[in-house]
Protein backbone atom coordinates (compact mmCIF):
# COMPACT_ATOMS: atom_id res chain seq x y z
CA MET A 1 36.80 151.26 -172.37
CA ASN A 2 37.12 151.14 -168.56
CA LYS A 3 34.10 152.20 -166.55
CA SER A 4 34.36 155.32 -164.37
CA VAL A 5 33.41 155.54 -160.69
CA LEU A 6 32.91 158.65 -158.56
CA ILE A 7 33.50 158.18 -154.82
CA ILE A 8 32.17 160.91 -152.51
CA GLU A 9 33.43 160.36 -148.96
CA ASP A 10 34.63 162.82 -146.32
CA HIS A 11 36.70 160.26 -144.37
CA ASP A 12 40.15 160.40 -145.96
CA ALA A 13 41.26 156.89 -144.99
CA ILE A 14 38.06 155.22 -146.22
CA ARG A 15 38.11 157.22 -149.45
CA ALA A 16 41.75 156.35 -150.13
CA ASN A 17 41.09 152.66 -149.48
CA VAL A 18 38.12 152.55 -151.86
CA VAL A 19 40.07 154.42 -154.55
CA GLU A 20 42.92 151.91 -154.26
CA ILE A 21 40.57 148.92 -154.57
CA LEU A 22 38.79 150.37 -157.60
CA GLU A 23 41.97 151.35 -159.41
CA MET A 24 43.33 147.83 -158.87
CA ALA A 25 40.08 146.56 -160.48
CA CYS A 26 40.83 148.78 -163.52
CA TYR A 27 38.14 151.41 -162.93
CA ASN A 28 38.74 155.07 -163.73
CA VAL A 29 38.18 156.75 -160.38
CA PHE A 30 37.16 160.32 -159.48
CA GLN A 31 37.05 161.34 -155.82
CA ALA A 32 35.46 164.12 -153.80
CA GLU A 33 35.79 164.89 -150.09
CA ASN A 34 32.33 166.42 -149.60
CA GLY A 35 28.89 166.53 -151.18
CA LYS A 36 29.16 169.90 -152.92
CA ILE A 37 32.41 168.97 -154.66
CA GLY A 38 30.89 165.59 -155.50
CA VAL A 39 27.90 167.13 -157.29
CA ASP A 40 30.18 169.43 -159.32
CA MET A 41 32.46 166.50 -160.20
CA ALA A 42 29.53 164.30 -161.26
CA LEU A 43 28.17 167.00 -163.58
CA LYS A 44 31.64 167.61 -165.04
CA ASN A 45 32.69 163.97 -165.59
CA ILE A 46 29.37 162.04 -165.85
CA PRO A 47 30.64 158.80 -164.24
CA ASP A 48 29.14 155.36 -164.92
CA ILE A 49 28.34 154.84 -161.22
CA ILE A 50 28.50 156.87 -157.99
CA LEU A 51 29.44 155.75 -154.46
CA CYS A 52 28.43 158.26 -151.80
CA ASP A 53 28.65 158.53 -148.01
CA ILE A 54 25.51 159.74 -146.21
CA MET A 55 26.86 161.70 -143.26
CA MET A 56 29.05 164.48 -144.70
CA PRO A 57 29.65 168.21 -144.14
CA GLU A 58 28.60 170.83 -146.71
CA LEU A 59 25.97 168.56 -148.32
CA ASP A 60 24.96 165.11 -147.07
CA GLY A 61 24.41 162.05 -149.26
CA TYR A 62 20.65 162.57 -149.48
CA GLY A 63 21.26 166.11 -150.71
CA VAL A 64 23.77 164.86 -153.29
CA LEU A 65 21.27 162.36 -154.71
CA TYR A 66 18.50 164.97 -154.71
CA MET A 67 20.66 167.47 -156.58
CA LEU A 68 21.85 164.93 -159.16
CA ASN A 69 18.27 163.80 -159.83
CA LYS A 70 17.47 167.38 -160.87
CA HIS A 71 19.89 167.16 -163.81
CA VAL A 72 18.96 165.11 -166.87
CA GLU A 73 22.54 164.02 -167.52
CA THR A 74 23.08 162.59 -164.01
CA SER A 75 19.59 161.45 -162.97
CA GLY A 76 20.02 157.96 -164.45
CA ILE A 77 23.48 157.17 -163.03
CA PRO A 78 23.45 154.14 -160.65
CA PHE A 79 23.89 155.42 -157.09
CA ILE A 80 25.14 153.41 -154.10
CA PHE A 81 25.15 154.77 -150.56
CA LEU A 82 28.08 154.00 -148.25
CA THR A 83 26.80 154.26 -144.70
CA ALA A 84 27.38 153.26 -141.11
CA LYS A 85 23.64 153.74 -140.50
CA ALA A 86 21.50 150.64 -140.91
CA GLU A 87 18.19 151.94 -139.55
CA HIS A 88 15.19 150.97 -141.69
CA ALA A 89 13.95 154.58 -141.90
CA ASP A 90 17.31 155.74 -143.24
CA LEU A 91 17.42 152.97 -145.83
CA ARG A 92 13.86 153.68 -146.94
CA LYS A 93 14.54 157.41 -147.25
CA GLY A 94 17.47 156.75 -149.57
CA MET A 95 15.58 154.26 -151.70
CA GLU A 96 12.62 156.63 -152.07
CA LEU A 97 15.03 159.31 -153.29
CA GLY A 98 16.26 156.88 -155.93
CA ALA A 99 19.32 155.11 -154.50
CA ASP A 100 20.06 151.79 -156.19
CA ASP A 101 21.86 150.04 -153.33
CA TYR A 102 23.50 150.34 -149.90
CA LEU A 103 26.83 149.18 -148.52
CA ILE A 104 27.00 149.12 -144.72
CA LYS A 105 30.38 150.09 -143.28
CA PRO A 106 32.66 148.30 -142.73
CA PHE A 107 32.44 146.39 -146.03
CA ASP A 108 35.09 144.19 -147.64
CA ASP A 109 36.65 144.43 -151.09
CA MET A 110 34.41 141.81 -152.71
CA GLU A 111 31.20 143.37 -151.33
CA LEU A 112 32.22 146.66 -152.92
CA LEU A 113 33.22 145.20 -156.28
CA ASN A 114 30.18 142.92 -156.48
CA ALA A 115 27.77 145.78 -155.72
CA ILE A 116 29.33 147.91 -158.47
CA ASP A 117 29.40 145.04 -160.97
CA ILE A 118 25.74 144.14 -160.35
CA ARG A 119 24.56 147.74 -160.83
CA LEU A 120 26.61 148.26 -164.00
CA ARG A 121 25.33 144.99 -165.47
CA LYS A 122 21.73 145.92 -164.65
CA LYS A 123 22.24 149.28 -166.32
CA ALA A 124 23.67 147.58 -169.43
CA VAL A 125 20.73 145.16 -169.58
CA ALA A 126 18.24 148.03 -169.26
CA GLU A 127 19.95 149.96 -172.05
CA GLN A 128 19.91 146.90 -174.30
CA LYS A 129 16.26 146.31 -173.51
CA HIS A 130 15.48 149.90 -174.40
CA LYS A 131 17.27 149.50 -177.72
CA SER A 132 15.49 146.27 -178.59
CA ASN A 133 12.09 147.77 -177.74
CA SER A 134 12.25 150.53 -180.34
CA ASP A 135 9.18 149.10 -182.08
CA ASP A 136 7.24 149.46 -178.84
CA PHE A 137 8.22 153.13 -178.67
CA LYS A 138 6.81 153.66 -182.17
CA THR A 139 3.49 152.31 -180.94
CA LEU A 140 3.55 154.51 -177.85
CA VAL A 141 4.17 157.69 -179.80
CA ALA A 142 1.21 157.02 -182.06
CA LYS A 143 -0.60 159.47 -179.76
CA THR A 144 1.49 162.20 -181.36
CA ASP A 145 0.56 161.08 -184.89
CA GLY A 146 3.97 159.46 -185.27
CA LEU A 147 5.82 162.62 -186.26
CA ALA A 148 9.32 161.53 -187.20
CA ALA A 149 11.04 164.24 -185.20
CA PHE A 150 9.28 163.35 -181.96
CA ASN A 151 9.71 159.65 -182.66
CA LYS A 152 13.47 160.10 -183.02
CA ILE A 153 13.72 162.04 -179.78
CA ILE A 154 12.00 159.28 -177.81
CA GLU A 155 13.96 156.47 -179.50
CA GLY A 156 17.18 158.27 -178.64
CA LYS A 157 16.32 158.53 -174.93
CA LYS A 158 17.19 155.91 -172.35
CA SER A 159 14.46 154.80 -170.01
CA ARG A 160 15.34 155.17 -166.36
CA GLU A 161 14.37 152.57 -163.78
CA PHE A 162 12.24 153.70 -160.85
CA LYS A 163 11.55 151.34 -157.96
CA LYS A 164 8.13 150.87 -156.40
CA ASN A 165 7.13 153.90 -154.25
CA GLN A 166 10.01 156.00 -155.60
CA VAL A 167 9.34 159.69 -156.10
CA ILE A 168 9.82 160.85 -159.71
CA TYR A 169 9.36 164.54 -158.94
CA TYR A 170 7.92 166.64 -156.13
CA GLU A 171 5.22 169.30 -156.28
CA ASP A 172 6.81 172.72 -156.96
CA ASP A 173 10.03 171.18 -158.33
CA HIS A 174 11.29 172.99 -161.40
CA GLY A 175 9.85 171.24 -164.46
CA LYS A 176 12.72 169.29 -166.05
CA GLY A 177 10.59 167.96 -168.87
CA LEU A 178 7.94 165.51 -169.97
CA TYR A 179 7.94 161.91 -168.74
CA LEU A 180 6.70 159.03 -170.88
CA ILE A 181 5.83 155.88 -168.92
CA THR A 182 7.20 152.96 -170.95
CA GLN A 183 6.51 150.36 -168.27
CA GLY A 184 4.70 150.31 -164.93
CA LYS A 185 2.25 152.60 -163.14
CA VAL A 186 2.53 156.06 -161.59
CA LYS A 187 0.28 158.10 -159.31
CA THR A 188 0.22 161.86 -158.80
CA ILE A 189 -0.81 163.35 -155.45
CA LYS A 190 -1.30 166.66 -153.68
CA LEU A 191 -1.15 167.11 -149.91
CA ALA A 192 -4.13 168.65 -148.15
CA GLN A 193 -3.60 171.14 -145.30
CA ASP A 194 -4.31 168.39 -142.77
CA GLY A 195 -1.55 166.24 -144.28
CA ARG A 196 -3.82 163.79 -146.11
CA GLU A 197 -2.97 162.75 -149.64
CA LEU A 198 -5.34 163.46 -152.53
CA MET A 199 -4.56 161.36 -155.58
CA THR A 200 -4.93 163.59 -158.63
CA GLY A 201 -4.19 160.96 -161.26
CA MET A 202 -3.10 157.42 -162.06
CA TYR A 203 -1.12 156.68 -165.20
CA GLY A 204 0.18 153.61 -167.00
CA GLU A 205 2.21 152.49 -169.99
CA GLY A 206 2.05 154.98 -172.85
CA ASP A 207 0.85 157.88 -170.67
CA TYR A 208 2.68 161.19 -170.23
CA ILE A 209 3.12 163.07 -166.94
CA GLY A 210 4.35 166.61 -166.39
CA ILE A 211 2.55 168.06 -169.43
CA ASN A 212 1.32 171.11 -167.54
CA ALA A 213 4.82 172.11 -166.42
CA VAL A 214 6.19 171.75 -169.96
CA LEU A 215 3.39 173.71 -171.65
CA SER A 216 3.33 176.50 -169.05
CA GLY A 217 7.07 176.64 -168.31
CA SER A 218 6.28 176.35 -164.60
CA THR A 219 6.93 173.95 -161.74
CA TYR A 220 5.24 170.57 -161.38
CA GLY A 221 1.76 170.90 -159.91
CA ASP A 222 1.78 167.66 -157.92
CA THR A 223 4.07 164.89 -156.71
CA ALA A 224 4.56 161.84 -158.96
CA THR A 225 5.38 158.47 -157.37
CA THR A 226 5.62 154.97 -158.83
CA ILE A 227 3.03 152.40 -157.75
CA GLU A 228 5.20 149.54 -158.99
CA ASP A 229 8.66 149.08 -160.50
CA SER A 230 8.57 151.26 -163.62
CA LEU A 231 10.55 152.58 -166.58
CA LEU A 232 10.21 156.23 -167.60
CA CYS A 233 11.70 158.21 -170.44
CA LEU A 234 12.42 161.91 -169.77
CA ILE A 235 12.20 164.36 -172.66
CA PRO A 236 13.78 167.66 -171.52
CA THR A 237 11.71 170.83 -171.70
CA GLU A 238 14.11 172.43 -174.20
CA GLN A 239 13.60 169.61 -176.70
CA MET A 240 9.84 169.68 -176.24
CA GLU A 241 9.75 173.43 -176.89
CA SER A 242 11.78 172.93 -180.06
CA VAL A 243 9.37 170.26 -181.33
CA PHE A 244 6.35 172.40 -180.42
CA SER A 245 7.80 175.29 -182.43
CA LEU A 246 8.49 173.15 -185.49
CA TYR A 247 5.37 170.99 -185.31
CA PRO A 248 2.25 172.75 -183.96
CA GLU A 249 0.39 169.47 -184.49
CA VAL A 250 2.36 167.89 -181.64
CA ALA A 251 1.62 170.86 -179.38
CA ARG A 252 -2.10 170.57 -180.17
CA ASN A 253 -2.09 166.89 -179.23
CA PHE A 254 -0.50 167.61 -175.87
CA ILE A 255 -2.94 170.45 -175.24
CA HIS A 256 -5.75 167.93 -175.86
CA LEU A 257 -4.15 165.48 -173.43
CA LEU A 258 -3.81 168.22 -170.82
CA SER A 259 -7.42 169.34 -171.33
CA ARG A 260 -8.66 165.78 -170.87
CA ASP A 261 -6.57 165.41 -167.71
CA ASN A 262 -7.89 168.69 -166.31
CA ARG A 263 -11.45 167.68 -167.13
CA GLU A 264 -11.01 164.41 -165.20
CA LYS A 265 -9.67 166.35 -162.20
CA GLU A 266 -12.64 168.73 -162.33
CA GLU A 267 -15.01 165.75 -162.33
CA GLN A 268 -13.09 164.31 -159.39
CA LEU A 269 -13.60 167.54 -157.40
CA LEU A 270 -17.34 167.47 -158.12
CA GLN A 271 -17.51 163.87 -156.96
CA LEU A 272 -15.73 164.74 -153.73
CA ALA A 273 -18.15 167.57 -153.11
CA TYR A 274 -21.48 165.91 -153.91
CA HIS A 275 -21.23 162.12 -153.86
CA SER A 276 -21.77 159.80 -150.94
CA VAL A 277 -19.01 157.55 -149.63
CA ARG A 278 -20.45 154.51 -151.44
CA LYS A 279 -20.79 156.40 -154.73
CA LYS A 280 -17.22 157.76 -154.48
CA MET A 281 -15.82 154.29 -153.83
CA ALA A 282 -17.82 152.80 -156.70
CA ILE A 283 -16.58 155.47 -159.12
CA THR A 284 -13.01 154.95 -157.92
CA LEU A 285 -13.18 151.19 -158.52
CA VAL A 286 -14.62 151.72 -162.00
CA LYS A 287 -11.78 154.14 -162.80
CA LEU A 288 -9.24 151.56 -161.68
CA TYR A 289 -10.96 149.00 -163.91
CA GLU A 290 -10.60 151.38 -166.87
CA LYS A 291 -6.98 152.19 -166.02
CA ASN A 292 -6.18 148.48 -165.94
CA LEU A 293 -7.31 148.08 -169.56
CA SER A 294 -10.65 146.53 -168.59
CA ASN A 295 -9.02 144.00 -166.26
CA ASP A 296 -11.50 143.27 -163.48
CA SER A 297 -8.81 142.31 -160.98
CA PHE A 298 -6.09 144.65 -159.68
CA THR A 299 -3.93 145.36 -156.65
CA ILE A 300 -4.07 148.63 -154.74
CA THR A 301 -3.37 149.58 -151.12
CA ARG A 302 -5.98 150.98 -148.75
CA GLU A 303 -3.92 154.16 -148.52
CA ASP A 304 -3.94 154.69 -152.29
CA LEU A 305 -7.66 153.97 -152.46
CA ALA A 306 -8.24 156.48 -149.67
CA ALA A 307 -6.15 159.10 -151.48
CA MET A 308 -7.93 158.45 -154.77
CA ALA A 309 -11.45 158.58 -153.26
CA CYS A 310 -10.53 161.24 -150.67
CA MET A 311 -11.74 159.36 -147.62
CA ALA A 312 -10.21 157.91 -144.45
CA THR A 313 -8.59 154.48 -144.67
CA GLU A 314 -11.03 153.16 -142.05
CA THR A 315 -13.91 154.28 -144.25
CA VAL A 316 -12.31 152.53 -147.22
CA SER A 317 -12.14 149.26 -145.26
CA ARG A 318 -15.77 149.48 -144.13
CA THR A 319 -17.04 150.36 -147.61
CA LEU A 320 -15.09 147.56 -149.28
CA SER A 321 -16.42 145.10 -146.70
CA ASP A 322 -19.96 146.24 -147.50
CA PHE A 323 -19.32 145.86 -151.23
CA LYS A 324 -17.94 142.37 -150.64
CA ASP A 325 -21.01 141.37 -148.62
CA GLU A 326 -23.21 142.68 -151.43
CA LYS A 327 -21.26 140.56 -153.99
CA LEU A 328 -20.12 143.67 -155.87
CA ILE A 329 -16.47 142.79 -155.36
CA ASP A 330 -14.21 140.11 -153.96
CA ARG A 331 -11.22 141.10 -151.88
CA SER A 332 -8.10 139.32 -150.72
CA GLY A 333 -5.59 141.58 -148.99
CA SER A 334 -4.82 144.45 -151.36
CA ARG A 335 -6.17 142.57 -154.41
CA ILE A 336 -9.68 143.51 -155.52
CA THR A 337 -11.78 141.67 -158.11
CA LEU A 338 -14.87 143.33 -159.54
CA LEU A 339 -17.81 140.89 -159.57
CA ASP A 340 -20.60 143.27 -160.62
CA LEU A 341 -19.25 146.12 -162.76
CA THR A 342 -22.76 147.19 -163.80
CA GLY A 343 -23.83 147.43 -160.17
CA LEU A 344 -20.86 149.67 -159.38
CA ILE A 345 -21.51 151.90 -162.40
CA LYS A 346 -25.17 152.28 -161.45
CA MET A 347 -24.46 152.84 -157.75
CA LYS A 348 -26.91 155.41 -156.38
CA ASN A 349 -25.67 158.45 -154.49
């Protein structure tokens, strides 16, 4: 079956040229002349890949990608921006929103076809990998006592790729559902009034995020962002509610997970209020050790450490230098190795 492509472009000549090229390459092509029509067409036809201009009337390309990411059925579709803008800030903004690639205008026929072919092949490989890893999913859902119904839901979902530093959802976004991290690491943050980030959690393979929004039927309480390239499986709120109704045992397990998460955040607030800078940094490093499955060496940026320990980046640098001089840690760039875990655990306030 031929793959389908949606092209969203307000320039008639460019759009017609792209349509002609794609149809000659045996793709089924849908076309839209502005962002609003493009979003409606994507939801109606669910294409295999989307090509979208950035600068458009009605709704620009960033808005199109943002809107499509809010819908479960379109959030995993490969998305390529077509743009005359090559500024780094513009490229970074698109990639953080979840774009898969960029084509800088003017581009030739082979650039266009190669970009589409690469993204479709990557999507096919990811889907095959998901299928072949069904045994891994069974292990991950052991936290829910392996209920067959929940197991089947997860096995039937495709994991979506998220690039490093890509936002999964924003604070106050409508809760689309529960995310299971099948590969990679994710952080959750809240912004303080002065603009500083406070890291509220760090999660890895087998962890769930968005539990609070699902259980309360509310918006997400913080912003979730990947720390590294990751794979996440989204289980829509409607399906979770159905499972909760049929299997109270599953609901109880998620309530326990939420309670544990809330307890950790309460402890974090107490630490911020009463502990010294050295004690906060020591506790943060021990937490990272635990999150890395007792691996005493890990990579983390100064900014993330500052957000996690709620201190200025300059203070992070000074404190880490002191710890290195005291042989508590070793440090090379953003990689930290714990040399004296006991000393960090017993750090005095």
